[in-house]
Amino acid sequence: MSIIGTVSTVLSHKQHTEDIFVISPDATVFEAIRIMAEKNVGALLVMREGQLLGIVSERDYTRKVALRGRSSKETLVREITSE
């Protein structure tokens, strides 16, 4: 199953849009984790040019970066995004 859609499709199902945070697929995982910590959320929408590409979560970080000994400062969000 794919999540591809527009931001308006996602937001139409979300009542509090101020609680939604996004990141580029070209950002580092370190930046994603920093934003999640700063905003006190467990996941970010991964978007490019208004197009929803997937979601990156703390679970993705833990399982696909930390447990595999990868560097969060060198791994890009697009490499671990859940679609």
PDB file of N, CA and C in Angstrom:
ATOM      1  N   MET A   1       0.839  -1.179   0.000  1.00  0.00           N
ATOM      2  CA  MET A   1       0.000   0.000   0.000  1.00  0.00           C
ATOM      3  C   MET A   1       0.878   1.235   0.000  1.00  0.00           C
ATOM      4  N   SER A   2       0.513   2.230  -0.766  1.00  0.00           N
ATOM      5  CA  SER A   2       1.279   3.455  -0.884  1.00  0.00           C
ATOM      6  C   SER A   2       0.517   4.615  -0.269  1.00  0.00           C
ATOM      7  N   ILE A   3       1.245   5.579   0.292  1.00  0.00           N
ATOM      8  CA  ILE A   3       0.636   6.741   0.930  1.00  0.00           C
ATOM      9  C   ILE A   3       0.631   7.944  -0.009  1.00  0.00           C
ATOM     10  N   ILE A   4       1.031   7.803  -1.214  1.00  0.00           N
ATOM     11  CA  ILE A   4       1.197   8.955  -2.092  1.00  0.00           C
ATOM     12  C   ILE A   4      -0.119   9.719  -2.222  1.00  0.00           C
ATOM     13  N   GLY A   5      -0.033  11.032  -2.045  1.00  0.00           N
ATOM     14  CA  GLY A   5      -1.194  11.903  -2.126  1.00  0.00           C
ATOM     15  C   GLY A   5      -0.753  13.337  -1.956  1.00  0.00           C
ATOM     16  N   THR A   6      -1.714  14.201  -1.800  1.00  0.00           N
ATOM     17  CA  THR A   6      -1.364  15.595  -1.573  1.00  0.00           C
ATOM     18  C   THR A   6      -1.539  15.932  -0.111  1.00  0.00           C
ATOM     19  N   VAL A   7      -0.911  16.996   0.298  1.00  0.00           N
ATOM     20  CA  VAL A   7      -1.012  17.429   1.679  1.00  0.00           C
ATOM     21  C   VAL A   7      -2.457  17.746   2.035  1.00  0.00           C
ATOM     22  N   SER A   8      -3.213  18.306   1.103  1.00  0.00           N
ATOM     23  CA  SER A   8      -4.602  18.640   1.393  1.00  0.00           C
ATOM     24  C   SER A   8      -5.424  17.387   1.709  1.00  0.00           C
ATOM     25  N   THR A   9      -5.102  16.257   1.061  1.00  0.00           N
ATOM     26  CA  THR A   9      -5.788  15.003   1.348  1.00  0.00           C
ATOM     27  C   THR A   9      -5.518  14.566   2.783  1.00  0.00           C
ATOM     28  N   VAL A  10      -4.277  14.654   3.198  1.00  0.00           N
ATOM     29  CA  VAL A  10      -3.910  14.274   4.565  1.00  0.00           C
ATOM     30  C   VAL A  10      -4.543  15.233   5.562  1.00  0.00           C
ATOM     31  N   LEU A  11      -4.436  16.519   5.290  1.00  0.00           N
ATOM     32  CA  LEU A  11      -4.936  17.517   6.220  1.00  0.00           C
ATOM     33  C   LEU A  11      -6.455  17.488   6.343  1.00  0.00           C
ATOM     34  N   SER A  12      -7.135  17.053   5.306  1.00  0.00           N
ATOM     35  CA  SER A  12      -8.591  16.997   5.372  1.00  0.00           C
ATOM     36  C   SER A  12      -9.062  15.995   6.424  1.00  0.00           C
ATOM     37  N   HIS A  13      -8.218  15.068   6.802  1.00  0.00           N
ATOM     38  CA  HIS A  13      -8.552  14.069   7.818  1.00  0.00           C
ATOM     39  C   HIS A  13      -7.991  14.429   9.193  1.00  0.00           C
ATOM     40  N   LYS A  14      -7.297  15.524   9.290  1.00  0.00           N
ATOM     41  CA  LYS A  14      -6.655  15.940  10.542  1.00  0.00           C
ATOM     42  C   LYS A  14      -7.346  17.195  11.045  1.00  0.00           C
ATOM     43  N   GLN A  15      -7.797  17.182  12.272  1.00  0.00           N
ATOM     44  CA  GLN A  15      -8.528  18.328  12.813  1.00  0.00           C
ATOM     45  C   GLN A  15      -7.611  19.461  13.248  1.00  0.00           C
ATOM     46  N   HIS A  16      -6.463  19.145  13.782  1.00  0.00           N
ATOM     47  CA  HIS A  16      -5.547  20.163  14.297  1.00  0.00           C
ATOM     48  C   HIS A  16      -4.294  20.199  13.437  1.00  0.00           C
ATOM     49  N   THR A  17      -4.313  20.983  12.358  1.00  0.00           N
ATOM     50  CA  THR A  17      -3.199  20.998  11.422  1.00  0.00           C
ATOM     51  C   THR A  17      -1.925  21.572  12.025  1.00  0.00           C
ATOM     52  N   GLU A  18      -2.040  22.324  13.117  1.00  0.00           N
ATOM     53  CA  GLU A  18      -0.828  22.847  13.743  1.00  0.00           C
ATOM     54  C   GLU A  18      -0.001  21.733  14.391  1.00  0.00           C
ATOM     55  N   ASP A  19      -0.579  20.549  14.512  1.00  0.00           N
ATOM     56  CA  ASP A  19       0.120  19.399  15.092  1.00  0.00           C
ATOM     57  C   ASP A  19       0.814  18.544  14.038  1.00  0.00           C
ATOM     58  N   ILE A  20       0.827  18.988  12.771  1.00  0.00           N
ATOM     59  CA  ILE A  20       1.434  18.227  11.689  1.00  0.00           C
ATOM     60  C   ILE A  20       2.745  18.903  11.283  1.00  0.00           C
ATOM     61  N   PHE A  21       3.810  18.111  11.238  1.00  0.00           N
ATOM     62  CA  PHE A  21       5.127  18.640  10.891  1.00  0.00           C
ATOM     63  C   PHE A  21       5.689  17.831   9.730  1.00  0.00           C
ATOM     64  N   VAL A  22       6.413  18.513   8.850  1.00  0.00           N
ATOM     65  CA  VAL A  22       6.926  17.867   7.643  1.00  0.00           C
ATOM     66  C   VAL A  22       8.439  18.005   7.546  1.00  0.00           C
ATOM     67  N   ILE A  23       9.023  17.134   6.728  1.00  0.00           N
ATOM     68  CA  ILE A  23      10.457  17.177   6.459  1.00  0.00           C
ATOM     69  C   ILE A  23      10.693  16.735   5.017  1.00  0.00           C
ATOM     70  N   SER A  24      11.759  17.211   4.445  1.00  0.00           N
ATOM     71  CA  SER A  24      12.148  16.839   3.088  1.00  0.00           C
ATOM     72  C   SER A  24      12.787  15.451   3.092  1.00  0.00           C
ATOM     73  N   PRO A  25      12.610  14.682   2.034  1.00  0.00           N
ATOM     74  CA  PRO A  25      13.272  13.380   1.947  1.00  0.00           C
ATOM     75  C   PRO A  25      14.795  13.514   1.856  1.00  0.00           C
ATOM     76  N   ASP A  26      15.269  14.707   1.509  1.00  0.00           N
ATOM     77  CA  ASP A  26      16.709  14.935   1.376  1.00  0.00           C
ATOM     78  C   ASP A  26      17.368  15.399   2.676  1.00  0.00           C
ATOM     79  N   ALA A  27      16.581  15.591   3.731  1.00  0.00           N
ATOM     80  CA  ALA A  27      17.137  15.974   5.038  1.00  0.00           C
ATOM     81  C   ALA A  27      17.796  14.758   5.675  1.00  0.00           C
ATOM     82  N   THR A  28      18.656  15.005   6.641  1.00  0.00           N
ATOM     83  CA  THR A  28      19.268  13.883   7.361  1.00  0.00           C
ATOM     84  C   THR A  28      18.313  13.368   8.430  1.00  0.00           C
ATOM     85  N   VAL A  29      18.510  12.130   8.801  1.00  0.00           N
ATOM     86  CA  VAL A  29      17.720  11.535   9.870  1.00  0.00           C
ATOM     87  C   VAL A  29      17.977  12.297  11.178  1.00  0.00           C
ATOM     88  N   PHE A  30      19.195  12.776  11.380  1.00  0.00           N
ATOM     89  CA  PHE A  30      19.515  13.570  12.565  1.00  0.00           C
ATOM     90  C   PHE A  30      18.586  14.782  12.650  1.00  0.00           C
ATOM     91  N   GLU A  31      18.389  15.472  11.534  1.00  0.00           N
ATOM     92  CA  GLU A  31      17.503  16.638  11.498  1.00  0.00           C
ATOM     93  C   GLU A  31      16.067  16.225  11.808  1.00  0.00           C
ATOM     94  N   ALA A  32      15.623  15.106  11.278  1.00  0.00           N
ATOM     95  CA  ALA A  32      14.267  14.618  11.555  1.00  0.00           C
ATOM     96  C   ALA A  32      14.084  14.343  13.046  1.00  0.00           C
ATOM     97  N   ILE A  33      15.048  13.671  13.651  1.00  0.00           N
ATOM     98  CA  ILE A  33      14.963  13.356  15.080  1.00  0.00           C
ATOM     99  C   ILE A  33      14.999  14.637  15.909  1.00  0.00           C
ATOM    100  N   ARG A  34      15.804  15.608  15.475  1.00  0.00           N
ATOM    101  CA  ARG A  34      15.872  16.888  16.191  1.00  0.00           C
ATOM    102  C   ARG A  34      14.514  17.588  16.158  1.00  0.00           C
ATOM    103  N   ILE A  35      13.864  17.602  15.002  1.00  0.00           N
ATOM    104  CA  ILE A  35      12.553  18.240  14.884  1.00  0.00           C
ATOM    105  C   ILE A  35      11.522  17.501  15.730  1.00  0.00           C
ATOM    106  N   MET A  36      11.543  16.167  15.684  1.00  0.00           N
ATOM    107  CA  MET A  36      10.596  15.392  16.492  1.00  0.00           C
ATOM    108  C   MET A  36      10.766  15.702  17.979  1.00  0.00           C
ATOM    109  N   ALA A  37      12.000  15.792  18.424  1.00  0.00           N
ATOM    110  CA  ALA A  37      12.249  16.100  19.835  1.00  0.00           C
ATOM    111  C   ALA A  37      11.783  17.517  20.172  1.00  0.00           C
ATOM    112  N   GLU A  38      12.093  18.460  19.302  1.00  0.00           N
ATOM    113  CA  GLU A  38      11.719  19.859  19.515  1.00  0.00           C
ATOM    114  C   GLU A  38      10.198  20.040  19.551  1.00  0.00           C
ATOM    115  N   LYS A  39       9.497  19.332  18.691  1.00  0.00           N
ATOM    116  CA  LYS A  39       8.035  19.467  18.583  1.00  0.00           C
ATOM    117  C   LYS A  39       7.295  18.456  19.453  1.00  0.00           C
ATOM    118  N   ASN A  40       8.035  17.554  20.091  1.00  0.00           N
ATOM    119  CA  ASN A  40       7.468  16.526  20.955  1.00  0.00           C
ATOM    120  C   ASN A  40       6.447  15.653  20.206  1.00  0.00           C
ATOM    121  N   VAL A  41       6.875  15.187  19.028  1.00  0.00           N
ATOM    122  CA  VAL A  41       6.056  14.290  18.216  1.00  0.00           C
ATOM    123  C   VAL A  41       6.861  13.038  17.888  1.00  0.00           C
ATOM    124  N   GLY A  42       6.186  11.989  17.464  1.00  0.00           N
ATOM    125  CA  GLY A  42       6.856  10.739  17.163  1.00  0.00           C
ATOM    126  C   GLY A  42       7.039  10.449  15.696  1.00  0.00           C
ATOM    127  N   ALA A  43       6.530  11.354  14.825  1.00  0.00           N
ATOM    128  CA  ALA A  43       6.646  11.114  13.388  1.00  0.00           C
ATOM    129  C   ALA A  43       6.503  12.425  12.624  1.00  0.00           C
ATOM    130  N   LEU A  44       7.038  12.438  11.403  1.00  0.00           N
ATOM    131  CA  LEU A  44       6.937  13.582  10.502  1.00  0.00           C
ATOM    132  C   LEU A  44       6.458  13.098   9.140  1.00  0.00           C
ATOM    133  N   LEU A  45       5.672  13.936   8.467  1.00  0.00           N
ATOM    134  CA  LEU A  45       5.318  13.633   7.085  1.00  0.00           C
ATOM    135  C   LEU A  45       6.525  13.948   6.216  1.00  0.00           C
ATOM    136  N   VAL A  46       6.833  13.081   5.288  1.00  0.00           N
ATOM    137  CA  VAL A  46       7.935  13.307   4.351  1.00  0.00           C
ATOM    138  C   VAL A  46       7.301  13.818   3.063  1.00  0.00           C
ATOM    139  N   MET A  47       7.679  15.068   2.687  1.00  0.00           N
ATOM    140  CA  MET A  47       7.030  15.708   1.548  1.00  0.00           C
ATOM    141  C   MET A  47       8.033  16.381   0.630  1.00  0.00           C
ATOM    142  N   ARG A  48       7.662  16.410  -0.654  1.00  0.00           N
ATOM    143  CA  ARG A  48       8.439  17.148  -1.656  1.00  0.00           C
ATOM    144  C   ARG A  48       7.438  17.866  -2.556  1.00  0.00           C
ATOM    145  N   GLU A  49       7.591  19.186  -2.662  1.00  0.00           N
ATOM    146  CA  GLU A  49       6.749  20.016  -3.528  1.00  0.00           C
ATOM    147  C   GLU A  49       5.258  19.751  -3.311  1.00  0.00           C
ATOM    148  N   GLY A  50       4.840  19.682  -2.056  1.00  0.00           N
ATOM    149  CA  GLY A  50       3.429  19.481  -1.736  1.00  0.00           C
ATOM    150  C   GLY A  50       2.932  18.063  -1.883  1.00  0.00           C
ATOM    151  N   GLN A  51       3.806  17.154  -2.267  1.00  0.00           N
ATOM    152  CA  GLN A  51       3.432  15.747  -2.470  1.00  0.00           C
ATOM    153  C   GLN A  51       3.870  14.920  -1.262  1.00  0.00           C
ATOM    154  N   LEU A  52       2.939  14.180  -0.706  1.00  0.00           N
ATOM    155  CA  LEU A  52       3.242  13.302   0.415  1.00  0.00           C
ATOM    156  C   LEU A  52       3.942  12.050  -0.096  1.00  0.00           C
ATOM    157  N   LEU A  53       5.141  11.798   0.409  1.00  0.00           N
ATOM    158  CA  LEU A  53       5.926  10.636  -0.023  1.00  0.00           C
ATOM    159  C   LEU A  53       5.891   9.502   0.985  1.00  0.00           C
ATOM    160  N   GLY A  54       5.643   9.829   2.243  1.00  0.00           N
ATOM    161  CA  GLY A  54       5.624   8.820   3.286  1.00  0.00           C
ATOM    162  C   GLY A  54       5.699   9.462   4.655  1.00  0.00           C
ATOM    163  N   ILE A  55       6.066   8.652   5.632  1.00  0.00           N
ATOM    164  CA  ILE A  55       6.179   9.091   7.016  1.00  0.00           C
ATOM    165  C   ILE A  55       7.494   8.567   7.564  1.00  0.00           C
ATOM    166  N   VAL A  56       8.154   9.380   8.368  1.00  0.00           N
ATOM    167  CA  VAL A  56       9.340   8.918   9.081  1.00  0.00           C
ATOM    168  C   VAL A  56       9.042   9.035  10.573  1.00  0.00           C
ATOM    169  N   SER A  57       9.347   7.980  11.303  1.00  0.00           N
ATOM    170  CA  SER A  57       8.992   7.933  12.720  1.00  0.00           C
ATOM    171  C   SER A  57      10.201   7.576  13.584  1.00  0.00           C
ATOM    172  N   GLU A  58      10.010   7.744  14.878  1.00  0.00           N
ATOM    173  CA  GLU A  58      11.051   7.337  15.821  1.00  0.00           C
ATOM    174  C   GLU A  58      11.328   5.844  15.669  1.00  0.00           C
ATOM    175  N   ARG A  59      10.309   5.080  15.377  1.00  0.00           N
ATOM    176  CA  ARG A  59      10.465   3.635  15.183  1.00  0.00           C
ATOM    177  C   ARG A  59      11.352   3.362  13.966  1.00  0.00           C
ATOM    178  N   ASP A  60      11.131   4.118  12.869  1.00  0.00           N
ATOM    179  CA  ASP A  60      11.987   3.967  11.689  1.00  0.00           C
ATOM    180  C   ASP A  60      13.440   4.233  12.058  1.00  0.00           C
ATOM    181  N   TYR A  61      13.663   5.307  12.813  1.00  0.00           N
ATOM    182  CA  TYR A  61      15.024   5.645  13.252  1.00  0.00           C
ATOM    183  C   TYR A  61      15.626   4.500  14.061  1.00  0.00           C
ATOM    184  N   THR A  62      14.886   4.025  15.040  1.00  0.00           N
ATOM    185  CA  THR A  62      15.405   2.979  15.925  1.00  0.00           C
ATOM    186  C   THR A  62      15.749   1.709  15.160  1.00  0.00           C
ATOM    187  N   ARG A  63      14.843   1.270  14.322  1.00  0.00           N
ATOM    188  CA  ARG A  63      15.021  -0.010  13.633  1.00  0.00           C
ATOM    189  C   ARG A  63      15.933   0.053  12.412  1.00  0.00           C
ATOM    190  N   LYS A  64      15.922   1.182  11.708  1.00  0.00           N
ATOM    191  CA  LYS A  64      16.642   1.260  10.441  1.00  0.00           C
ATOM    192  C   LYS A  64      17.959   2.025  10.512  1.00  0.00           C
ATOM    193  N   VAL A  65      18.194   2.711  11.627  1.00  0.00           N
ATOM    194  CA  VAL A  65      19.441   3.457  11.785  1.00  0.00           C
ATOM    195  C   VAL A  65      20.185   2.972  13.022  1.00  0.00           C
ATOM    196  N   ALA A  66      19.639   3.215  14.199  1.00  0.00           N
ATOM    197  CA  ALA A  66      20.334   2.908  15.457  1.00  0.00           C
ATOM    198  C   ALA A  66      20.704   1.429  15.580  1.00  0.00           C
ATOM    199  N   LEU A  67      19.749   0.549  15.378  1.00  0.00           N
ATOM    200  CA  LEU A  67      20.019  -0.884  15.548  1.00  0.00           C
ATOM    201  C   LEU A  67      20.937  -1.461  14.480  1.00  0.00           C
ATOM    202  N   ARG A  68      21.070  -0.765  13.367  1.00  0.00           N
ATOM    203  CA  ARG A  68      21.944  -1.230  12.292  1.00  0.00           C
ATOM    204  C   ARG A  68      23.306  -0.543  12.311  1.00  0.00           C
ATOM    205  N   GLY A  69      23.532   0.289  13.322  1.00  0.00           N
ATOM    206  CA  GLY A  69      24.826   0.951  13.461  1.00  0.00           C
ATOM    207  C   GLY A  69      25.087   2.028  12.422  1.00  0.00           C
ATOM    208  N   ARG A  70      24.026   2.569  11.829  1.00  0.00           N
ATOM    209  CA  ARG A  70      24.184   3.621  10.822  1.00  0.00           C
ATOM    210  C   ARG A  70      24.276   4.983  11.520  1.00  0.00           C
ATOM    211  N   SER A  71      24.776   5.959  10.822  1.00  0.00           N
ATOM    212  CA  SER A  71      24.904   7.314  11.356  1.00  0.00           C
ATOM    213  C   SER A  71      23.679   8.144  10.976  1.00  0.00           C
ATOM    214  N   SER A  72      23.037   8.750  11.966  1.00  0.00           N
ATOM    215  CA  SER A  72      21.873   9.594  11.690  1.00  0.00           C
ATOM    216  C   SER A  72      22.268  10.876  10.965  1.00  0.00           C
ATOM    217  N   LYS A  73      23.531  11.266  11.082  1.00  0.00           N
ATOM    218  CA  LYS A  73      23.994  12.478  10.401  1.00  0.00           C
ATOM    219  C   LYS A  73      24.373  12.216   8.952  1.00  0.00           C
ATOM    220  N   GLU A  74      24.493  10.959   8.579  1.00  0.00           N
ATOM    221  CA  GLU A  74      24.847  10.604   7.205  1.00  0.00           C
ATOM    222  C   GLU A  74      23.708   9.921   6.445  1.00  0.00           C
ATOM    223  N   THR A  75      22.719   9.424   7.165  1.00  0.00           N
ATOM    224  CA  THR A  75      21.589   8.734   6.545  1.00  0.00           C
ATOM    225  C   THR A  75      20.510   9.759   6.207  1.00  0.00           C
ATOM    226  N   LEU A  76      19.970   9.672   4.993  1.00  0.00           N
ATOM    227  CA  LEU A  76      18.919  10.585   4.574  1.00  0.00           C
ATOM    228  C   LEU A  76      17.540  10.028   4.924  1.00  0.00           C
ATOM    229  N   VAL A  77      16.624  10.931   5.160  1.00  0.00           N
ATOM    230  CA  VAL A  77      15.251  10.549   5.508  1.00  0.00           C
ATOM    231  C   VAL A  77      14.670   9.611   4.456  1.00  0.00           C
ATOM    232  N   ARG A  78      14.905   9.882   3.176  1.00  0.00           N
ATOM    233  CA  ARG A  78      14.329   9.034   2.113  1.00  0.00           C
ATOM    234  C   ARG A  78      14.792   7.585   2.196  1.00  0.00           C
ATOM    235  N   GLU A  79      15.925   7.332   2.851  1.00  0.00           N
ATOM    236  CA  GLU A  79      16.443   5.971   2.969  1.00  0.00           C
ATOM    237  C   GLU A  79      15.686   5.137   3.994  1.00  0.00           C
ATOM    238  N   ILE A  80      14.948   5.780   4.891  1.00  0.00           N
ATOM    239  CA  ILE A  80      14.264   5.036   5.945  1.00  0.00           C
ATOM    240  C   ILE A  80      12.771   5.329   6.009  1.00  0.00           C
ATOM    241  N   THR A  81      12.240   6.108   5.077  1.00  0.00           N
ATOM    242  CA  THR A  81      10.840   6.493   5.089  1.00  0.00           C
ATOM    243  C   THR A  81       9.919   5.292   4.914  1.00  0.00           C
ATOM    244  N   SER A  82       8.871   5.248   5.733  1.00  0.00           N
ATOM    245  CA  SER A  82       7.829   4.231   5.569  1.00  0.00           C
ATOM    246  C   SER A  82       6.812   4.744   4.579  1.00  0.00           C
ATOM    247  N   GLU A  83       6.528   3.925   3.568  1.00  0.00           N
ATOM    248  CA  GLU A  83       5.566   4.335   2.539  1.00  0.00           C
ATOM    249  C   GLU A  83       4.222   3.722   2.773  1.00  0.00           C
TER     250      GLU A  83
END
